[in-house]
Amino acid sequence: MEQQRRKGQRLTGDERKQMIGVLVEEYRSGKSIRDLAVQHSLSIGLSRNLLVESGIPLRGRGGSTRGRGPANG
């Protein structure tokens, strides 16, 4: 689903199911909801709602800290 979407364009039927599959796969690989929204020209709210609709457990706010350097301090 690399095709660029127009802002405000509705997702229905098979296109919606396909987008959910793509978002779930990328979210599981570690991308944030914000990253997914930007990459697929979706709002953050719609990206989150599609993930919730899929039934995938969402990570806590702030994202993954795995692989980040030591905290400032």
N, C-alpha and C. Protein backbone atom coordinates (compact mmCIF):
# COMPACT_ATOMS: atom_id res chain seq x y z
N MET A 1 0.85 -1.18 0.00
CA MET A 1 0.00 0.00 0.00
C MET A 1 0.89 1.24 0.00
N GLU A 2 1.69 1.36 -1.03
CA GLU A 2 2.62 2.47 -1.15
C GLU A 2 2.00 3.68 -1.83
N GLN A 3 0.81 3.51 -2.38
CA GLN A 3 0.13 4.60 -3.07
C GLN A 3 -0.15 5.74 -2.10
N GLN A 4 0.16 6.96 -2.53
CA GLN A 4 -0.04 8.13 -1.69
C GLN A 4 -1.53 8.44 -1.58
N ARG A 5 -1.99 8.68 -0.38
CA ARG A 5 -3.40 8.96 -0.12
C ARG A 5 -3.63 10.45 -0.04
N ARG A 6 -4.83 10.87 -0.41
CA ARG A 6 -5.22 12.26 -0.23
C ARG A 6 -5.74 12.44 1.18
N LYS A 7 -5.43 13.56 1.78
CA LYS A 7 -5.89 13.84 3.13
C LYS A 7 -7.41 13.86 3.15
N GLY A 8 -7.99 13.17 4.12
CA GLY A 8 -9.44 13.12 4.26
C GLY A 8 -10.11 12.02 3.46
N GLN A 9 -9.34 11.29 2.66
CA GLN A 9 -9.90 10.21 1.86
C GLN A 9 -10.32 9.06 2.77
N ARG A 10 -11.53 8.55 2.58
CA ARG A 10 -12.05 7.47 3.43
C ARG A 10 -11.43 6.13 3.09
N LEU A 11 -11.28 5.30 4.13
CA LEU A 11 -10.82 3.93 3.97
C LEU A 11 -12.01 3.01 4.17
N THR A 12 -12.36 2.23 3.17
CA THR A 12 -13.49 1.33 3.32
C THR A 12 -13.15 -0.04 2.75
N GLY A 13 -13.91 -1.04 3.18
CA GLY A 13 -13.82 -2.38 2.63
C GLY A 13 -12.44 -2.99 2.63
N ASP A 14 -12.07 -3.53 1.48
CA ASP A 14 -10.79 -4.23 1.35
C ASP A 14 -9.60 -3.31 1.58
N GLU A 15 -9.72 -2.06 1.15
CA GLU A 15 -8.62 -1.10 1.35
C GLU A 15 -8.38 -0.89 2.84
N ARG A 16 -9.44 -0.82 3.63
CA ARG A 16 -9.32 -0.65 5.08
C ARG A 16 -8.65 -1.87 5.70
N LYS A 17 -9.09 -3.07 5.30
CA LYS A 17 -8.50 -4.30 5.83
C LYS A 17 -7.02 -4.39 5.48
N GLN A 18 -6.69 -4.02 4.25
CA GLN A 18 -5.29 -4.06 3.82
C GLN A 18 -4.46 -3.06 4.63
N MET A 19 -4.98 -1.86 4.84
CA MET A 19 -4.26 -0.85 5.62
C MET A 19 -4.05 -1.33 7.05
N ILE A 20 -5.06 -1.95 7.65
CA ILE A 20 -4.92 -2.47 9.01
C ILE A 20 -3.78 -3.48 9.05
N GLY A 21 -3.72 -4.38 8.07
CA GLY A 21 -2.66 -5.39 8.02
C GLY A 21 -1.27 -4.76 7.94
N VAL A 22 -1.15 -3.74 7.11
CA VAL A 22 0.13 -3.04 6.95
C VAL A 22 0.51 -2.34 8.26
N LEU A 23 -0.45 -1.63 8.86
CA LEU A 23 -0.16 -0.90 10.09
C LEU A 23 0.25 -1.85 11.22
N VAL A 24 -0.47 -2.98 11.35
CA VAL A 24 -0.15 -3.95 12.40
C VAL A 24 1.27 -4.48 12.21
N GLU A 25 1.61 -4.85 11.00
CA GLU A 25 2.95 -5.39 10.72
C GLU A 25 4.04 -4.37 11.08
N GLU A 26 3.85 -3.13 10.65
CA GLU A 26 4.86 -2.10 10.90
C GLU A 26 4.89 -1.70 12.37
N TYR A 27 3.73 -1.68 13.03
CA TYR A 27 3.68 -1.34 14.46
C TYR A 27 4.41 -2.42 15.26
N ARG A 28 4.20 -3.68 14.90
CA ARG A 28 4.89 -4.78 15.60
C ARG A 28 6.40 -4.72 15.38
N SER A 29 6.82 -4.15 14.26
CA SER A 29 8.26 -4.05 13.99
C SER A 29 8.90 -2.88 14.75
N GLY A 30 8.07 -2.08 15.44
CA GLY A 30 8.62 -1.04 16.31
C GLY A 30 8.29 0.39 15.92
N LYS A 31 7.62 0.60 14.80
CA LYS A 31 7.28 1.97 14.41
C LYS A 31 6.21 2.53 15.34
N SER A 32 6.27 3.83 15.55
CA SER A 32 5.28 4.49 16.40
C SER A 32 4.02 4.79 15.60
N ILE A 33 2.94 5.04 16.30
CA ILE A 33 1.69 5.42 15.64
C ILE A 33 1.90 6.70 14.85
N ARG A 34 2.64 7.62 15.40
CA ARG A 34 2.93 8.88 14.71
C ARG A 34 3.68 8.62 13.40
N ASP A 35 4.69 7.75 13.44
CA ASP A 35 5.44 7.42 12.23
C ASP A 35 4.53 6.79 11.18
N LEU A 36 3.67 5.88 11.62
CA LEU A 36 2.74 5.22 10.70
C LEU A 36 1.80 6.23 10.05
N ALA A 37 1.31 7.16 10.86
CA ALA A 37 0.38 8.17 10.35
C ALA A 37 1.05 9.00 9.26
N VAL A 38 2.25 9.45 9.51
CA VAL A 38 2.97 10.28 8.54
C VAL A 38 3.26 9.47 7.27
N GLN A 39 3.76 8.26 7.43
CA GLN A 39 4.15 7.43 6.29
C GLN A 39 2.97 7.11 5.39
N HIS A 40 1.78 6.90 5.97
CA HIS A 40 0.62 6.47 5.19
C HIS A 40 -0.41 7.58 4.98
N SER A 41 -0.04 8.82 5.30
CA SER A 41 -0.92 9.98 5.11
C SER A 41 -2.26 9.80 5.83
N LEU A 42 -2.18 9.36 7.08
CA LEU A 42 -3.36 9.19 7.93
C LEU A 42 -3.24 10.13 9.11
N SER A 43 -4.35 10.41 9.77
CA SER A 43 -4.26 11.14 11.02
C SER A 43 -3.76 10.18 12.10
N ILE A 44 -3.22 10.73 13.16
CA ILE A 44 -2.76 9.90 14.26
C ILE A 44 -3.95 9.16 14.86
N GLY A 45 -5.08 9.85 14.99
CA GLY A 45 -6.29 9.23 15.56
C GLY A 45 -6.77 8.05 14.73
N LEU A 46 -6.80 8.21 13.41
CA LEU A 46 -7.25 7.10 12.56
C LEU A 46 -6.25 5.95 12.62
N SER A 47 -4.97 6.26 12.63
CA SER A 47 -3.96 5.21 12.72
C SER A 47 -4.15 4.40 14.00
N ARG A 48 -4.37 5.10 15.09
CA ARG A 48 -4.59 4.43 16.38
C ARG A 48 -5.88 3.62 16.35
N ASN A 49 -6.96 4.21 15.82
CA ASN A 49 -8.24 3.50 15.77
C ASN A 49 -8.14 2.22 14.94
N LEU A 50 -7.41 2.26 13.84
CA LEU A 50 -7.25 1.07 13.02
C LEU A 50 -6.48 -0.01 13.77
N LEU A 51 -5.47 0.38 14.53
CA LEU A 51 -4.73 -0.59 15.34
C LEU A 51 -5.62 -1.18 16.43
N VAL A 52 -6.41 -0.34 17.08
CA VAL A 52 -7.34 -0.82 18.11
C VAL A 52 -8.34 -1.79 17.48
N GLU A 53 -8.85 -1.43 16.31
CA GLU A 53 -9.80 -2.27 15.59
C GLU A 53 -9.20 -3.65 15.28
N SER A 54 -7.89 -3.68 15.06
CA SER A 54 -7.22 -4.95 14.74
C SER A 54 -7.11 -5.86 15.96
N GLY A 55 -7.19 -5.27 17.14
CA GLY A 55 -7.07 -6.06 18.37
C GLY A 55 -5.66 -6.18 18.90
N ILE A 56 -4.70 -5.57 18.23
CA ILE A 56 -3.31 -5.63 18.68
C ILE A 56 -3.15 -4.81 19.96
N PRO A 57 -2.42 -5.32 20.95
CA PRO A 57 -2.18 -4.52 22.16
C PRO A 57 -1.27 -3.34 21.83
N LEU A 58 -1.65 -2.17 22.29
CA LEU A 58 -0.85 -0.97 22.03
C LEU A 58 0.19 -0.78 23.11
N ARG A 59 1.34 -0.24 22.71
CA ARG A 59 2.39 0.08 23.67
C ARG A 59 1.98 1.32 24.45
N GLY A 60 2.59 1.52 25.61
CA GLY A 60 2.33 2.70 26.40
C GLY A 60 2.84 3.95 25.71
N ARG A 61 2.36 5.08 26.16
CA ARG A 61 2.79 6.35 25.56
C ARG A 61 4.28 6.55 25.77
N GLY A 62 4.92 7.18 24.80
CA GLY A 62 6.35 7.43 24.90
C GLY A 62 7.15 6.47 24.05
N GLY A 63 6.53 5.41 23.60
CA GLY A 63 7.17 4.49 22.67
C GLY A 63 8.23 3.62 23.30
N SER A 64 8.86 2.88 22.48
CA SER A 64 9.88 1.94 22.91
C SER A 64 11.15 2.70 23.30
N THR A 65 11.77 2.27 24.37
CA THR A 65 13.05 2.87 24.77
C THR A 65 14.20 1.93 24.44
N ARG A 66 13.89 0.78 23.88
CA ARG A 66 14.91 -0.19 23.53
C ARG A 66 15.86 0.41 22.50
N GLY A 67 17.14 0.30 22.74
CA GLY A 67 18.12 0.76 21.80
C GLY A 67 18.52 2.23 21.95
N ARG A 68 17.88 2.93 22.84
CA ARG A 68 18.24 4.33 23.07
C ARG A 68 19.43 4.40 24.01
N GLY A 69 20.15 5.47 23.93
CA GLY A 69 21.31 5.65 24.80
C GLY A 69 20.90 5.94 26.23
N PRO A 70 21.88 6.11 27.10
CA PRO A 70 21.59 6.39 28.51
C PRO A 70 20.83 7.71 28.66
N ALA A 71 20.01 7.76 29.70
CA ALA A 71 19.20 8.96 29.96
C ALA A 71 20.11 10.14 30.31
N ASN A 72 19.65 11.32 29.95
CA ASN A 72 20.41 12.54 30.31
C ASN A 72 20.38 12.72 31.81
N GLY A 73 21.48 13.12 32.34
CA GLY A 73 21.44 13.39 33.76
C GLY A 73 22.70 13.35 34.37
